[in-house]
Amino acid sequence: MLYTIPETKKLIGLGTTRIYEEISAGRLRAKKCGRRTLVPVEAIHDFIANLEDYPSKNQEV
């Protein structure tokens, strides 16, 4: 399954500019179909899995 950029924005809660920055940096994989940029569902799962965990108050910084 492939998602458009607007659909990807809704799924992961980031703005358009940030989505394209993550794609350009190679942290979010995307495909091109003509002029459309599409993000595979697996790429979204991988992106989320690779995000840093938010430190809990009990963890040392």
N, C-alpha and C. Protein backbone atom coordinates (compact mmCIF):
# COMPACT_ATOMS: atom_id res chain seq x y z
N MET A 1 0.84 -1.17 0.00
CA MET A 1 0.00 0.00 0.00
C MET A 1 0.89 1.24 0.00
N LEU A 2 0.50 2.22 -0.78
CA LEU A 2 1.23 3.47 -0.90
C LEU A 2 0.36 4.63 -0.45
N TYR A 3 0.98 5.58 0.23
CA TYR A 3 0.27 6.77 0.70
C TYR A 3 0.80 8.01 0.02
N THR A 4 -0.09 8.95 -0.28
CA THR A 4 0.33 10.24 -0.80
C THR A 4 0.94 11.05 0.34
N ILE A 5 1.54 12.17 0.02
CA ILE A 5 2.12 13.03 1.06
C ILE A 5 1.04 13.53 2.02
N PRO A 6 -0.12 14.01 1.55
CA PRO A 6 -1.16 14.43 2.50
C PRO A 6 -1.62 13.29 3.42
N GLU A 7 -1.73 12.08 2.89
CA GLU A 7 -2.12 10.94 3.72
C GLU A 7 -1.03 10.62 4.74
N THR A 8 0.23 10.69 4.30
CA THR A 8 1.36 10.43 5.19
C THR A 8 1.39 11.46 6.31
N LYS A 9 1.13 12.72 5.99
CA LYS A 9 1.08 13.78 7.00
C LYS A 9 0.08 13.44 8.09
N LYS A 10 -1.10 12.99 7.70
CA LYS A 10 -2.14 12.65 8.67
C LYS A 10 -1.74 11.45 9.53
N LEU A 11 -1.08 10.48 8.91
CA LEU A 11 -0.70 9.27 9.63
C LEU A 11 0.38 9.52 10.68
N ILE A 12 1.39 10.33 10.34
CA ILE A 12 2.50 10.49 11.29
C ILE A 12 2.54 11.86 11.95
N GLY A 13 1.65 12.75 11.56
CA GLY A 13 1.52 14.02 12.26
C GLY A 13 2.63 15.03 12.01
N LEU A 14 3.25 14.97 10.85
CA LEU A 14 4.28 15.95 10.48
C LEU A 14 3.78 16.79 9.32
N GLY A 15 4.34 17.97 9.15
CA GLY A 15 3.97 18.85 8.06
C GLY A 15 4.63 18.46 6.74
N THR A 16 4.17 19.07 5.68
CA THR A 16 4.68 18.77 4.34
C THR A 16 6.18 19.00 4.24
N THR A 17 6.65 20.14 4.71
CA THR A 17 8.08 20.45 4.62
C THR A 17 8.89 19.41 5.36
N ARG A 18 8.46 19.05 6.57
CA ARG A 18 9.20 18.06 7.36
C ARG A 18 9.19 16.69 6.68
N ILE A 19 8.08 16.30 6.08
CA ILE A 19 8.01 15.03 5.36
C ILE A 19 9.06 15.01 4.25
N TYR A 20 9.11 16.08 3.45
CA TYR A 20 10.08 16.12 2.36
C TYR A 20 11.52 16.19 2.88
N GLU A 21 11.75 16.84 4.02
CA GLU A 21 13.09 16.86 4.63
C GLU A 21 13.50 15.45 5.04
N GLU A 22 12.57 14.70 5.62
CA GLU A 22 12.87 13.33 6.04
C GLU A 22 13.14 12.43 4.83
N ILE A 23 12.41 12.64 3.76
CA ILE A 23 12.64 11.88 2.52
C ILE A 23 14.02 12.24 1.96
N SER A 24 14.34 13.53 1.89
CA SER A 24 15.64 13.97 1.35
C SER A 24 16.81 13.45 2.18
N ALA A 25 16.61 13.36 3.49
CA ALA A 25 17.66 12.87 4.39
C ALA A 25 17.78 11.35 4.36
N GLY A 26 16.84 10.68 3.70
CA GLY A 26 16.89 9.22 3.62
C GLY A 26 16.28 8.52 4.83
N ARG A 27 15.65 9.27 5.72
CA ARG A 27 15.05 8.66 6.91
C ARG A 27 13.64 8.14 6.64
N LEU A 28 13.02 8.63 5.56
CA LEU A 28 11.70 8.17 5.15
C LEU A 28 11.78 7.84 3.66
N ARG A 29 11.59 6.57 3.34
CA ARG A 29 11.67 6.15 1.94
C ARG A 29 10.41 6.54 1.19
N ALA A 30 10.57 6.87 -0.07
CA ALA A 30 9.43 7.25 -0.92
C ALA A 30 9.68 6.75 -2.33
N LYS A 31 8.61 6.67 -3.09
CA LYS A 31 8.64 6.25 -4.49
C LYS A 31 8.04 7.37 -5.34
N LYS A 32 8.43 7.40 -6.60
CA LYS A 32 7.85 8.36 -7.54
C LYS A 32 7.04 7.59 -8.57
N CYS A 33 5.86 8.12 -8.88
CA CYS A 33 5.03 7.59 -9.96
C CYS A 33 4.60 8.82 -10.76
N GLY A 34 5.32 9.07 -11.83
CA GLY A 34 5.11 10.32 -12.56
C GLY A 34 5.56 11.47 -11.67
N ARG A 35 4.68 12.42 -11.44
CA ARG A 35 5.01 13.56 -10.59
C ARG A 35 4.65 13.32 -9.13
N ARG A 36 3.93 12.23 -8.87
CA ARG A 36 3.46 11.97 -7.51
C ARG A 36 4.55 11.32 -6.66
N THR A 37 4.62 11.74 -5.42
CA THR A 37 5.50 11.12 -4.44
C THR A 37 4.63 10.26 -3.54
N LEU A 38 5.00 8.99 -3.44
CA LEU A 38 4.22 8.03 -2.66
C LEU A 38 5.10 7.37 -1.62
N VAL A 39 4.55 7.14 -0.46
CA VAL A 39 5.30 6.56 0.65
C VAL A 39 4.72 5.19 0.97
N PRO A 40 5.54 4.13 0.86
CA PRO A 40 5.05 2.79 1.20
C PRO A 40 4.74 2.67 2.69
N VAL A 41 3.71 1.90 3.02
CA VAL A 41 3.32 1.72 4.41
C VAL A 41 4.49 1.17 5.23
N GLU A 42 5.30 0.30 4.64
CA GLU A 42 6.46 -0.26 5.35
C GLU A 42 7.46 0.84 5.70
N ALA A 43 7.59 1.83 4.81
CA ALA A 43 8.51 2.94 5.07
C ALA A 43 8.05 3.76 6.25
N ILE A 44 6.73 3.92 6.39
CA ILE A 44 6.20 4.66 7.53
C ILE A 44 6.47 3.89 8.82
N HIS A 45 6.24 2.58 8.79
CA HIS A 45 6.52 1.75 9.96
C HIS A 45 8.01 1.82 10.33
N ASP A 46 8.89 1.72 9.34
CA ASP A 46 10.33 1.79 9.59
C ASP A 46 10.72 3.15 10.16
N PHE A 47 10.16 4.22 9.61
CA PHE A 47 10.46 5.57 10.08
C PHE A 47 10.10 5.71 11.56
N ILE A 48 8.91 5.27 11.90
CA ILE A 48 8.46 5.36 13.30
C ILE A 48 9.33 4.50 14.21
N ALA A 49 9.66 3.30 13.77
CA ALA A 49 10.49 2.40 14.58
C ALA A 49 11.88 2.97 14.83
N ASN A 50 12.38 3.77 13.90
CA ASN A 50 13.73 4.32 14.03
C ASN A 50 13.80 5.65 14.76
N LEU A 51 12.65 6.20 15.14
CA LEU A 51 12.65 7.44 15.92
C LEU A 51 13.22 7.16 17.31
N GLU A 52 13.87 8.16 17.88
CA GLU A 52 14.40 8.02 19.23
C GLU A 52 13.24 7.93 20.21
N ASP A 53 13.45 7.13 21.27
CA ASP A 53 12.47 7.07 22.34
C ASP A 53 12.53 8.34 23.16
N TYR A 54 11.40 8.79 23.60
CA TYR A 54 11.33 9.96 24.47
C TYR A 54 11.86 9.53 25.83
N PRO A 55 12.84 10.26 26.39
CA PRO A 55 13.42 9.83 27.68
C PRO A 55 12.40 9.98 28.81
N SER A 56 12.33 8.94 29.64
CA SER A 56 11.45 9.05 30.80
C SER A 56 12.16 9.81 31.90
N LYS A 57 11.43 10.27 32.87
CA LYS A 57 12.03 11.03 33.96
C LYS A 57 13.00 10.18 34.79
N ASN A 58 12.86 8.87 34.72
CA ASN A 58 13.72 7.97 35.48
C ASN A 58 15.03 7.67 34.78
N GLN A 59 15.14 7.99 33.48
CA GLN A 59 16.37 7.72 32.75
C GLN A 59 17.33 8.86 32.90
N GLU A 60 18.63 8.51 32.95
CA GLU A 60 19.65 9.56 32.99
C GLU A 60 19.86 10.11 31.60
N VAL A 61 20.20 11.37 31.51
CA VAL A 61 20.39 12.02 30.21
C VAL A 61 21.81 11.95 29.79
